[in-house]
Amino acid sequence: MIEIPNFDTLDLKHIVCDYNGTIAKDGILLPEIKTLFAKLEAHYTIHVITADTFGSVKSQLEGTSVTVKVLESDDHTQEKSDYVRSLGASHCVTIGNGNNDKAMLTVAELGIAIIGGEGCAKDALLGADLFFSNIDEALETLLHEKRLVATLRR
């Protein structure tokens, strides 16, 4: 439990990450992700949700205990938010950068937008509680709860 004065008490159990543009570029996992995920797995269950545009997500995350959800519907925005709801949105932090991430960023207890190498869609920014310029900083913040308190308290 993370108590954030005049904001909320967070009981986060799941991290749900978009893949391309968030933790991967052109289908290739960014360098520090596996190391950060290994640290985070002591505190959270980690999920990666993706259309798997490059067909590489499972091989790139091999050797991790990450749950991979490959999107199947024509409405990725809805499917992503439904997935977060199925986990219990009040226990989720979601991380993404695309238009189709807005709903999952909004429905989750804590939504984080990444303004990385692919940029970040306006709708993702509008749905998020926090913004980071790179995924490493966002994931590291989840390992240091006082950073969340310092940023989100009112």
Protein backbone atom coordinates (compact mmCIF):
# COMPACT_ATOMS: atom_id res chain seq x y z
CA MET A 1 0.00 0.00 0.00
CA ILE A 2 1.23 3.44 -0.95
CA GLU A 3 -0.52 6.29 0.81
CA ILE A 4 -0.33 9.49 -1.19
CA PRO A 5 -1.60 12.52 0.75
CA ASN A 6 -4.69 14.15 -0.75
CA PHE A 7 -4.47 11.89 -3.81
CA ASP A 8 -5.17 8.21 -3.13
CA THR A 9 -4.03 5.05 -1.41
CA LEU A 10 -2.59 2.74 -4.04
CA ASP A 11 -2.73 -1.04 -3.63
CA LEU A 12 -0.93 -1.97 -6.83
CA LYS A 13 -0.42 -5.63 -7.72
CA HIS A 14 -0.16 -5.64 -11.52
CA ILE A 15 1.91 -3.73 -14.05
CA VAL A 16 0.39 -3.82 -17.55
CA CYS A 17 2.71 -2.54 -20.28
CA ASP A 18 2.09 -1.85 -23.90
CA TYR A 19 4.90 -3.35 -26.01
CA ASN A 20 5.98 -1.35 -29.08
CA GLY A 21 6.76 2.26 -28.29
CA THR A 22 6.73 1.55 -24.56
CA ILE A 23 9.12 -1.30 -23.68
CA ALA A 24 10.25 -2.15 -27.21
CA LYS A 25 11.26 -0.35 -30.38
CA ASP A 26 10.55 -1.95 -33.76
CA GLY A 27 9.76 -5.23 -32.01
CA ILE A 28 13.04 -5.37 -30.06
CA LEU A 29 12.93 -5.17 -26.26
CA LEU A 30 14.78 -2.14 -24.89
CA PRO A 31 18.09 -2.99 -23.15
CA GLU A 32 17.25 -2.56 -19.43
CA ILE A 33 13.72 -3.98 -19.47
CA LYS A 34 14.52 -7.57 -18.45
CA THR A 35 16.68 -6.36 -15.55
CA LEU A 36 13.99 -3.96 -14.33
CA PHE A 37 11.25 -6.57 -14.74
CA ALA A 38 13.30 -9.03 -12.65
CA LYS A 39 13.43 -6.47 -9.82
CA LEU A 40 9.75 -5.58 -10.13
CA GLU A 41 8.60 -9.23 -10.13
CA ALA A 42 9.29 -9.33 -6.38
CA HIS A 43 6.42 -6.86 -5.88
CA TYR A 44 4.16 -7.07 -8.93
CA THR A 45 2.78 -9.44 -11.54
CA ILE A 46 3.88 -8.08 -14.92
CA HIS A 47 1.78 -8.25 -18.06
CA VAL A 48 2.62 -7.16 -21.60
CA ILE A 49 -0.30 -6.46 -23.92
CA THR A 50 0.34 -6.08 -27.63
CA ALA A 51 -0.85 -6.58 -31.17
CA ASP A 52 2.64 -8.08 -31.69
CA THR A 53 3.06 -6.20 -34.96
CA PHE A 54 6.57 -7.58 -35.48
CA GLY A 55 5.81 -11.12 -34.22
CA SER A 56 8.65 -10.91 -31.70
CA VAL A 57 7.12 -10.38 -28.26
CA LYS A 58 7.32 -13.97 -27.00
CA SER A 59 10.90 -14.52 -28.11
CA GLN A 60 11.98 -11.12 -26.77
CA LEU A 61 10.48 -11.84 -23.34
CA GLU A 62 11.73 -15.41 -23.18
CA GLY A 63 13.25 -16.22 -19.80
CA THR A 64 10.95 -13.89 -17.88
CA SER A 65 7.79 -14.69 -15.93
CA VAL A 66 5.86 -11.94 -17.74
CA THR A 67 2.33 -12.78 -18.88
CA VAL A 68 1.97 -11.90 -22.56
CA LYS A 69 -1.46 -11.03 -23.94
CA VAL A 70 -1.59 -10.80 -27.72
CA LEU A 71 -4.59 -8.79 -28.85
CA GLU A 72 -7.14 -10.62 -30.97
CA SER A 73 -10.01 -8.21 -31.61
CA ASP A 74 -10.47 -5.37 -34.07
CA ASP A 75 -10.83 -2.91 -31.17
CA HIS A 76 -7.49 -2.88 -29.38
CA THR A 77 -8.46 0.10 -27.24
CA GLN A 78 -11.41 -1.77 -25.74
CA GLU A 79 -9.55 -5.07 -25.48
CA LYS A 80 -6.72 -3.44 -23.53
CA SER A 81 -9.08 -1.76 -21.06
CA ASP A 82 -11.11 -4.98 -20.69
CA TYR A 83 -7.91 -6.86 -19.86
CA VAL A 84 -7.03 -4.34 -17.15
CA ARG A 85 -10.56 -4.60 -15.74
CA SER A 86 -10.27 -8.41 -15.68
CA LEU A 87 -7.19 -8.07 -13.43
CA GLY A 88 -8.97 -5.62 -11.14
CA ALA A 89 -8.28 -2.11 -12.41
CA SER A 90 -7.94 -0.74 -8.88
CA HIS A 91 -4.82 -2.91 -8.46
CA CYS A 92 -3.21 -2.01 -11.80
CA VAL A 93 -0.63 0.43 -13.03
CA THR A 94 -0.68 0.68 -16.82
CA ILE A 95 2.07 2.03 -19.05
CA GLY A 96 1.69 3.01 -22.69
CA ASN A 97 2.18 5.62 -25.38
CA GLY A 98 -0.41 5.08 -28.11
CA ASN A 99 -3.92 6.21 -28.89
CA ASN A 100 -5.14 2.69 -28.19
CA ASP A 101 -3.63 2.90 -24.67
CA LYS A 102 -5.80 5.80 -23.45
CA ALA A 103 -8.64 3.65 -22.09
CA MET A 104 -6.35 1.32 -20.14
CA LEU A 105 -4.41 4.31 -18.78
CA THR A 106 -7.67 5.91 -17.66
CA VAL A 107 -9.31 2.82 -16.14
CA ALA A 108 -6.26 1.72 -14.13
CA GLU A 109 -5.60 3.02 -10.64
CA LEU A 110 -2.39 4.57 -11.98
CA GLY A 111 -1.74 5.33 -15.65
CA ILE A 112 1.73 6.22 -16.92
CA ALA A 113 2.40 7.62 -20.39
CA ILE A 114 5.83 7.22 -21.97
CA ILE A 115 7.05 9.98 -24.27
CA GLY A 116 9.86 7.94 -25.81
CA GLY A 117 11.46 7.38 -29.17
CA GLU A 118 8.12 6.82 -30.93
CA GLY A 119 6.58 9.82 -29.23
CA CYS A 120 3.30 9.71 -27.36
CA ALA A 121 -0.21 10.16 -28.69
CA LYS A 122 -2.20 13.07 -27.26
CA ASP A 123 -4.95 10.72 -26.11
CA ALA A 124 -2.46 8.63 -24.11
CA LEU A 125 -1.23 11.78 -22.39
CA LEU A 126 -4.78 12.81 -21.54
CA GLY A 127 -5.52 9.41 -20.01
CA ALA A 128 -2.42 9.21 -17.80
CA ASP A 129 -1.68 10.31 -14.25
CA LEU A 130 2.08 10.56 -14.84
CA PHE A 131 4.40 11.10 -17.81
CA PHE A 132 7.99 9.94 -18.24
CA SER A 133 10.47 10.54 -21.02
CA ASN A 134 11.62 6.92 -20.91
CA ILE A 135 10.43 3.56 -19.65
CA ASP A 136 13.46 2.97 -17.42
CA GLU A 137 12.57 5.97 -15.24
CA ALA A 138 8.93 4.91 -15.05
CA LEU A 139 9.76 1.37 -13.95
CA GLU A 140 12.40 2.55 -11.48
CA THR A 141 9.82 4.87 -9.90
CA LEU A 142 7.64 1.84 -9.17
CA LEU A 143 10.58 0.43 -7.20
CA HIS A 144 10.87 3.64 -5.14
CA GLU A 145 7.41 4.41 -3.75
CA LYS A 146 8.42 7.75 -2.24
CA ARG A 147 8.95 9.08 -5.77
CA LEU A 148 5.27 8.44 -6.45
CA VAL A 149 4.34 10.19 -3.23
CA ALA A 150 6.52 13.20 -4.03
CA THR A 151 5.03 13.58 -7.50
CA LEU A 152 1.35 12.78 -6.92
CA ARG A 153 0.59 14.28 -3.49
CA ARG A 154 -1.51 17.41 -3.37
